[in-house]
Protein backbone atom coordinates (compact mmCIF):
# COMPACT_ATOMS: atom_id res chain seq x y z
CA MET A 1 37.12 16.61 -117.29
CA GLY A 2 39.22 15.30 -114.39
CA ASN A 3 36.32 13.33 -112.94
CA LEU A 4 35.35 12.04 -116.37
CA LEU A 5 38.83 10.67 -116.99
CA SER A 6 39.13 9.33 -113.44
CA TYR A 7 35.76 7.56 -113.43
CA SER A 8 35.22 6.55 -117.05
CA GLY A 9 36.83 3.13 -116.59
CA ILE A 10 35.05 2.15 -113.39
CA ALA A 11 31.77 3.63 -114.70
CA THR A 12 31.98 1.27 -117.68
CA LYS A 13 32.73 -1.64 -115.34
CA LEU A 14 29.73 -0.78 -113.15
CA ARG A 15 27.39 -0.58 -116.13
CA ALA A 16 28.45 -4.09 -117.16
CA MET A 17 27.90 -5.39 -113.60
CA LYS A 18 24.50 -3.67 -113.28
CA SER A 19 23.37 -5.31 -116.51
CA LYS A 20 23.55 -8.63 -114.63
CA PHE A 21 21.01 -7.56 -112.01
CA ILE A 22 17.93 -9.79 -111.89
CA SER A 23 15.06 -8.20 -113.82
CA GLU A 24 11.53 -7.73 -112.54
CA ARG A 25 10.35 -10.39 -114.95
CA GLN A 26 12.92 -12.83 -113.61
CA PHE A 27 11.84 -12.14 -110.01
CA GLN A 28 8.24 -12.88 -111.00
CA ASP A 29 9.33 -16.13 -112.65
CA MET A 30 11.35 -17.16 -109.58
CA ALA A 31 8.43 -16.39 -107.25
CA SER A 32 6.23 -18.83 -109.21
CA LEU A 33 8.56 -21.78 -108.57
CA SER A 34 7.44 -24.57 -106.26
CA SER A 35 10.59 -25.49 -104.30
CA VAL A 36 13.82 -24.04 -102.95
CA GLY A 37 15.72 -26.49 -105.17
CA GLU A 38 14.03 -25.02 -108.25
CA ALA A 39 14.86 -21.50 -107.06
CA LEU A 40 18.53 -22.41 -106.63
CA GLU A 41 18.51 -23.99 -110.08
CA PHE A 42 17.03 -20.73 -111.38
CA LEU A 43 19.89 -18.74 -109.80
CA LYS A 44 22.44 -21.05 -111.45
CA ASN A 45 21.18 -19.78 -114.80
CA THR A 46 21.61 -16.09 -113.98
CA ALA A 47 24.67 -14.13 -115.03
CA ALA A 48 25.38 -12.75 -111.55
CA TYR A 49 24.89 -15.88 -109.41
CA GLY A 50 25.48 -18.82 -111.74
CA GLN A 51 29.07 -19.44 -110.74
CA ILE A 52 28.42 -19.13 -106.99
CA PHE A 53 25.53 -21.61 -107.01
CA SER A 54 27.08 -24.05 -109.50
CA GLY A 55 27.49 -27.50 -108.00
CA ILE A 56 24.74 -26.90 -105.41
CA ASP A 57 22.20 -29.70 -105.69
CA ALA A 58 20.51 -29.90 -102.28
CA GLU A 59 17.90 -27.53 -100.85
CA LEU A 60 20.01 -25.21 -98.70
CA HIS A 61 19.07 -23.66 -95.36
CA ARG A 62 18.56 -19.90 -95.30
CA SER A 63 21.90 -19.30 -93.55
CA ASP A 64 23.78 -21.18 -96.29
CA ILE A 65 22.01 -19.20 -99.02
CA GLU A 66 22.84 -15.94 -97.21
CA LYS A 67 26.52 -16.94 -97.07
CA LEU A 68 26.64 -17.59 -100.81
CA LEU A 69 24.89 -14.31 -101.59
CA SER A 70 27.31 -12.48 -99.28
CA ARG A 71 30.11 -14.06 -101.26
CA SER A 72 28.63 -12.49 -104.39
CA GLN A 73 28.80 -9.06 -102.73
CA HIS A 74 32.41 -9.70 -101.72
CA GLN A 75 33.33 -10.73 -105.25
CA ASP A 76 31.77 -7.55 -106.63
CA PHE A 77 33.71 -5.50 -104.09
CA GLU A 78 36.97 -7.21 -105.09
CA LYS A 79 36.38 -6.62 -108.80
CA LEU A 80 35.78 -2.93 -108.18
CA TYR A 81 38.63 -2.59 -105.70
CA HIS A 82 41.17 -3.95 -108.18
CA PHE A 83 39.74 -1.62 -110.83
CA ALA A 84 39.65 1.48 -108.59
CA ASN A 85 42.21 4.26 -108.29
CA LEU A 86 43.49 5.53 -104.92
CA SER A 87 40.70 8.07 -104.53
CA GLN A 88 37.97 5.52 -105.26
CA ARG A 89 39.57 3.05 -102.85
CA LYS A 90 39.07 5.56 -100.03
CA PHE A 91 35.34 5.14 -100.45
CA LEU A 92 35.58 1.36 -100.82
CA ASN A 93 37.66 1.10 -97.64
CA LEU A 94 35.01 3.12 -95.82
CA TYR A 95 32.23 0.97 -97.28
CA PHE A 96 33.98 -2.19 -96.10
CA THR A 97 32.71 -1.48 -92.58
CA ASN A 98 29.32 -2.80 -93.79
CA PHE A 99 30.84 -6.24 -94.34
CA GLU A 100 32.58 -6.23 -90.96
CA ILE A 101 29.42 -5.28 -89.10
CA SER A 102 27.44 -7.94 -90.96
CA ILE A 103 29.93 -10.59 -89.77
CA LEU A 104 29.86 -9.27 -86.20
CA LYS A 105 26.06 -9.46 -86.13
CA LYS A 106 26.24 -13.08 -87.30
CA CYS A 107 28.67 -13.81 -84.46
CA LEU A 108 26.44 -12.07 -81.92
CA ARG A 109 23.39 -14.08 -82.94
CA ASN A 110 25.39 -17.29 -82.84
CA THR A 111 26.25 -16.71 -79.17
CA LEU A 112 22.52 -16.71 -78.37
CA GLU A 113 22.02 -20.26 -79.65
CA ASP A 114 21.29 -22.87 -76.97
CA ASN A 115 24.48 -24.72 -77.85
CA PRO A 116 26.59 -22.25 -79.85
CA ALA A 117 28.92 -24.04 -82.22
CA ASN A 118 31.92 -22.65 -84.03
CA LEU A 119 30.52 -20.40 -86.74
CA ASP A 120 31.90 -21.39 -90.14
CA LEU A 121 33.35 -18.17 -91.59
CA SER A 122 36.04 -19.89 -93.66
CA MET A 123 34.35 -18.84 -96.91
CA PHE A 124 35.15 -15.20 -96.09
CA GLN A 125 38.67 -15.71 -94.69
CA GLU A 126 40.70 -14.59 -97.70
CA PHE A 127 38.47 -11.61 -98.43
CA PHE A 128 38.72 -10.30 -94.87
CA ARG A 129 42.45 -11.00 -94.62
CA LEU A 130 43.05 -8.51 -97.42
CA HIS A 131 40.89 -5.67 -96.08
CA SER A 132 40.18 -6.13 -92.37
CA LYS A 133 41.76 -6.41 -88.94
CA LEU A 134 39.07 -8.85 -87.80
CA ASP A 135 40.36 -12.32 -86.90
CA LEU A 136 37.57 -14.52 -88.27
CA GLU A 137 39.02 -17.66 -86.68
CA LYS A 138 38.84 -16.15 -83.19
CA LEU A 139 35.41 -14.66 -83.82
CA SER A 140 33.97 -17.93 -85.15
CA SER A 141 34.91 -19.79 -81.95
CA ALA A 142 33.52 -17.16 -79.54
CA ALA A 143 30.57 -18.58 -77.60
CA THR A 144 29.76 -15.56 -75.40
CA PHE A 145 29.63 -11.79 -75.69
CA SER A 146 32.73 -11.60 -73.46
CA GLN A 147 34.67 -13.94 -75.75
CA LEU A 148 33.67 -11.80 -78.73
CA THR A 149 34.99 -8.73 -76.90
CA MET A 150 38.35 -10.45 -76.36
CA ALA A 151 38.46 -11.57 -80.00
CA LEU A 152 38.07 -7.94 -81.09
CA GLU A 153 41.16 -6.61 -79.33
CA GLY A 154 43.20 -4.42 -81.69
CA THR A 155 40.17 -3.57 -83.87
CA PRO A 156 38.02 -0.41 -83.95
CA TYR A 157 35.10 -2.41 -82.54
CA HIS A 158 36.75 -3.47 -79.30
CA GLY A 159 35.83 -0.23 -77.52
CA VAL A 160 32.17 -0.60 -78.50
CA PHE A 161 31.97 -4.13 -77.08
CA LYS A 162 34.05 -3.32 -74.00
CA GLU A 163 31.80 -0.45 -73.03
CA LEU A 164 28.68 -2.60 -73.43
CA GLU A 165 30.25 -5.41 -71.41
CA GLN A 166 30.91 -2.98 -68.55
CA ASN A 167 27.29 -1.80 -68.59
CA GLU A 168 25.48 -5.10 -68.29
CA PRO A 169 22.95 -6.37 -68.82
CA ALA A 170 23.26 -5.57 -72.52
CA SER A 171 21.04 -7.36 -75.05
CA LEU A 172 21.54 -8.35 -78.68
CA PHE A 173 19.53 -5.24 -79.57
CA ASP A 174 22.00 -3.07 -77.60
CA TYR A 175 25.03 -4.58 -79.36
CA GLU A 176 23.54 -4.35 -82.85
CA MET A 177 22.32 -0.82 -82.29
CA GLN A 178 25.73 0.32 -81.05
CA LEU A 179 27.41 -1.26 -84.09
CA ASP A 180 25.05 0.66 -86.38
CA LEU A 181 25.73 3.88 -84.46
CA PHE A 182 29.48 3.28 -84.72
CA HIS A 183 29.14 2.81 -88.48
CA PHE A 184 27.17 5.98 -89.11
CA ARG A 185 29.29 8.12 -86.79
CA MET A 186 32.43 6.93 -88.55
CA ILE A 187 31.06 7.76 -92.01
CA TRP A 188 29.87 11.18 -90.86
CA LYS A 189 33.25 11.90 -89.29
CA GLN A 190 35.34 10.72 -92.22
CA LYS A 191 33.36 12.08 -95.16
CA ASN A 192 34.75 15.62 -94.90
CA LYS A 193 38.32 14.36 -94.52
CA LEU A 194 38.46 11.90 -97.40
CA PHE A 195 36.36 13.32 -100.20
CA THR A 196 35.97 16.35 -102.43
CA ARG A 197 33.22 18.88 -101.77
CA GLU A 198 31.00 17.39 -104.49
CA GLU A 199 31.53 13.87 -103.16
CA GLN A 200 30.70 15.05 -99.65
CA LYS A 201 27.34 16.28 -100.93
CA THR A 202 26.53 12.82 -102.32
CA ILE A 203 27.50 11.01 -99.12
CA THR A 204 25.64 13.57 -97.00
CA GLN A 205 22.47 13.16 -99.06
CA CYS A 206 22.53 9.34 -99.12
CA PHE A 207 23.70 8.55 -95.61
CA GLY A 208 21.98 11.58 -94.06
CA SER A 209 18.63 10.42 -95.46
CA GLN A 210 19.30 6.86 -94.31
CA MET A 211 20.04 8.01 -90.76
CA ASP A 212 16.91 10.18 -90.69
CA MET A 213 14.75 7.30 -91.88
CA LEU A 214 16.28 4.89 -89.36
CA ASN A 215 15.56 7.38 -86.59
CA LEU A 216 11.94 7.61 -87.74
CA GLN A 217 11.61 3.83 -87.65
CA TRP A 218 13.21 3.57 -84.22
CA ILE A 219 10.95 6.26 -82.78
CA TYR A 220 7.88 4.52 -84.20
CA ARG A 221 8.86 1.04 -82.99
CA SER A 222 9.90 2.31 -79.57
CA LYS A 223 6.48 3.89 -79.10
CA LYS A 224 4.28 1.22 -80.71
CA TYR A 225 5.93 -2.02 -79.55
CA TYR A 226 7.95 -1.13 -76.46
CA HIS A 227 6.03 1.86 -75.03
CA MET A 228 9.30 3.57 -74.09
CA GLU A 229 9.55 6.87 -72.31
CA PRO A 230 10.89 9.83 -74.37
CA ALA A 231 14.20 9.92 -72.45
CA THR A 232 14.90 6.31 -73.41
CA ILE A 233 13.94 6.88 -77.05
CA TYR A 234 16.30 9.87 -77.31
CA SER A 235 19.17 7.65 -76.10
CA LEU A 236 18.58 5.21 -78.99
CA LEU A 237 18.69 7.72 -81.82
CA ILE A 238 21.58 8.36 -84.18
CA PRO A 239 22.91 11.77 -83.09
CA VAL A 240 22.91 13.21 -86.62
CA ARG A 241 20.19 15.29 -88.31
CA TYR A 242 19.89 15.80 -92.05
CA LYS A 243 16.42 16.79 -93.28
CA LEU A 244 14.72 16.10 -89.94
CA LYS A 245 14.89 19.18 -87.77
CA GLN A 246 15.56 18.97 -84.04
CA GLU A 247 11.99 20.18 -83.44
CA ASP A 248 10.65 17.40 -85.71
CA ILE A 249 12.47 14.83 -83.61
CA ARG A 250 11.24 16.34 -80.34
CA GLN A 251 7.60 16.39 -81.46
CA LEU A 252 7.71 12.82 -82.82
CA VAL A 253 9.40 11.39 -79.73
CA GLU A 254 7.00 13.16 -77.38
CA SER A 255 3.83 12.49 -79.40
CA GLY A 256 1.05 11.07 -77.23
CA SER A 257 -0.24 8.42 -79.64
CA ILE A 258 0.55 6.62 -82.88
CA GLU A 259 -2.11 8.73 -84.61
CA GLU A 260 -0.38 11.90 -83.45
CA PHE A 261 2.99 10.49 -84.53
CA PHE A 262 1.78 9.99 -88.12
CA ASN A 263 0.04 13.35 -88.18
CA LEU A 264 3.32 15.05 -87.17
CA LEU A 265 5.28 12.90 -89.63
CA SER A 266 3.16 14.21 -92.52
CA PHE A 267 4.57 17.72 -91.95
CA THR A 268 8.23 16.63 -92.08
CA TYR A 269 10.43 16.56 -95.18
CA TYR A 270 9.93 12.79 -95.54
CA GLY A 271 6.23 12.89 -94.86
CA LYS A 272 5.87 15.24 -97.81
CA MET A 273 7.76 12.76 -100.03
CA ARG A 274 4.99 10.15 -99.72
CA THR A 275 3.69 8.83 -103.03
CA GLU A 276 0.14 7.99 -104.01
CA GLU A 277 0.79 4.33 -103.15
CA ILE A 278 1.34 5.06 -99.49
CA SER A 279 -1.76 5.24 -97.31
CA GLU A 280 -2.80 7.80 -94.73
CA ARG A 281 -0.75 5.84 -92.19
CA PRO A 282 2.33 4.91 -94.26
CA ASN A 283 4.30 1.72 -93.89
CA LEU A 284 7.59 3.16 -92.62
CA GLU A 285 9.67 0.31 -94.04
CA LEU A 286 8.14 0.88 -97.46
CA LEU A 287 8.65 4.63 -97.13
CA TYR A 288 12.29 3.96 -96.15
CA GLU A 289 12.87 1.89 -99.28
CA LYS A 290 11.10 4.33 -101.58
CA VAL A 291 12.94 7.37 -100.24
CA LEU A 292 16.37 5.75 -100.35
CA SER A 293 15.87 4.13 -103.75
CA ARG A 294 14.89 7.51 -105.16
CA ILE A 295 17.88 9.27 -103.58
CA TYR A 296 20.45 6.65 -104.61
CA SER A 297 19.08 6.67 -108.17
CA VAL A 298 19.03 10.45 -108.47
CA THR A 299 22.52 10.99 -107.04
CA SER A 300 24.08 8.48 -109.43
CA GLN A 301 22.21 9.94 -112.41
CA LYS A 302 23.21 13.50 -111.57
CA ASN A 303 26.83 12.55 -110.81
CA PRO A 304 27.68 9.68 -113.19
CA TYR A 305 31.44 10.25 -112.82
CA SER A 306 31.81 10.31 -109.04
CA ILE A 307 31.64 8.01 -106.01
CA ALA A 308 27.85 8.29 -106.35
CA ILE A 309 27.90 5.44 -108.88
CA LEU A 310 29.80 3.15 -106.47
CA ASN A 311 27.51 4.11 -103.61
CA SER A 312 24.42 3.48 -105.73
CA TYR A 313 25.66 0.13 -107.05
CA PHE A 314 26.21 -1.35 -103.58
CA TYR A 315 22.85 -0.06 -102.36
CA PHE A 316 20.90 -1.71 -105.19
CA LYS A 317 22.98 -4.89 -105.01
CA ASN A 318 22.02 -5.16 -101.35
CA VAL A 319 18.34 -4.57 -102.23
CA GLU A 320 18.53 -7.34 -104.84
CA ILE A 321 20.02 -9.82 -102.37
CA HIS A 322 17.30 -9.08 -99.81
CA ARG A 323 14.69 -9.66 -102.51
CA ILE A 324 16.27 -13.00 -103.46
CA ILE A 325 16.25 -14.17 -99.83
CA THR A 326 12.66 -13.01 -99.31
CA THR A 327 11.55 -14.75 -102.50
CA ILE A 328 13.24 -18.04 -101.63
CA GLU A 329 11.89 -18.02 -98.07
CA GLY A 330 8.40 -17.37 -99.43
CA ILE A 331 8.77 -20.42 -101.69
CA ARG A 332 10.10 -22.49 -98.76
CA TYR A 333 7.02 -21.77 -96.66
CA GLY A 334 4.47 -22.11 -99.43
CA VAL A 335 3.45 -18.46 -99.73
CA ASN A 336 1.43 -17.79 -102.88
CA THR A 337 3.20 -16.16 -105.81
CA SER A 338 1.46 -12.77 -105.72
CA ASP A 339 2.21 -12.36 -101.99
CA ILE A 340 5.87 -13.29 -102.51
CA ILE A 341 6.17 -10.68 -105.26
CA SER A 342 4.40 -8.05 -103.18
CA TYR A 343 6.43 -8.69 -100.06
CA SER A 344 9.80 -9.01 -101.82
CA MET A 345 9.33 -5.57 -103.40
CA LYS A 346 9.32 -4.08 -99.87
CA ASN A 347 12.76 -5.53 -99.05
């Protein structure tokens, strides 16, 4: 009864917000459009994105569209934060790390431009001022990795950047990977301190599965595209195991070929979750999406009055935004409608 009373209000709010998600039929209609301008006009007429894209007449670059869609995520977060009680805000404060890391990755990529200009983060200034220690003005003017490190003084991320700076040469991949590792380690460390036993189970299931699936992808890519030695691959992995056993990891990392990798994968917990749509050699990105979508759906259905519904909402909102971006970019480059639909469903 306690959870029912505590979550009934925010559960009602989330149902109203989920009703504004773009339907499959709408995605198909958008994919059939002939220009980015038409796609933006389409978004103006949706319940979730109409206000954000109102007044936009020109065909925007991808980066500008991504900023506006990020703003939609921020607005959703704010609505829920103001509606949440103290217990629910613990989860939202923990989730906010996703937004910080997204901004830091934008800053990192900007420093790799031939002539890095000040990154315009002004759209996010007020949102971050309320919830974050990041100084967006300093970060936006940083033109090198070293300047980013200095701009992060006094934040939890400074140590991550400082350590990488002292172990040069560090690449964009190194920085982004260490940010992801920081994020997952923090969640894993905090979940047992901040949440009830039932809530811990939800977070463990969702984030544990996500970490397992990311490790599978990293092992596969390290072997297929970079031909890394096992010792190097081990150093890249998230040091958390959920359904993947230590022996599973060892066998996959030390497999002698891609064929052997997939054969071993089929005997793991996730290999056994493959559906009839996945071939003998599964697309790991598609498997990732299918596994996580199933888990986030099931946890929210089984625990409709818990943080599971917040966790699920943000996951599927993020999936929707990736599908919008993929659809618009397909239109921009003249990809045929059926291919846009097919590809966007994998993102």
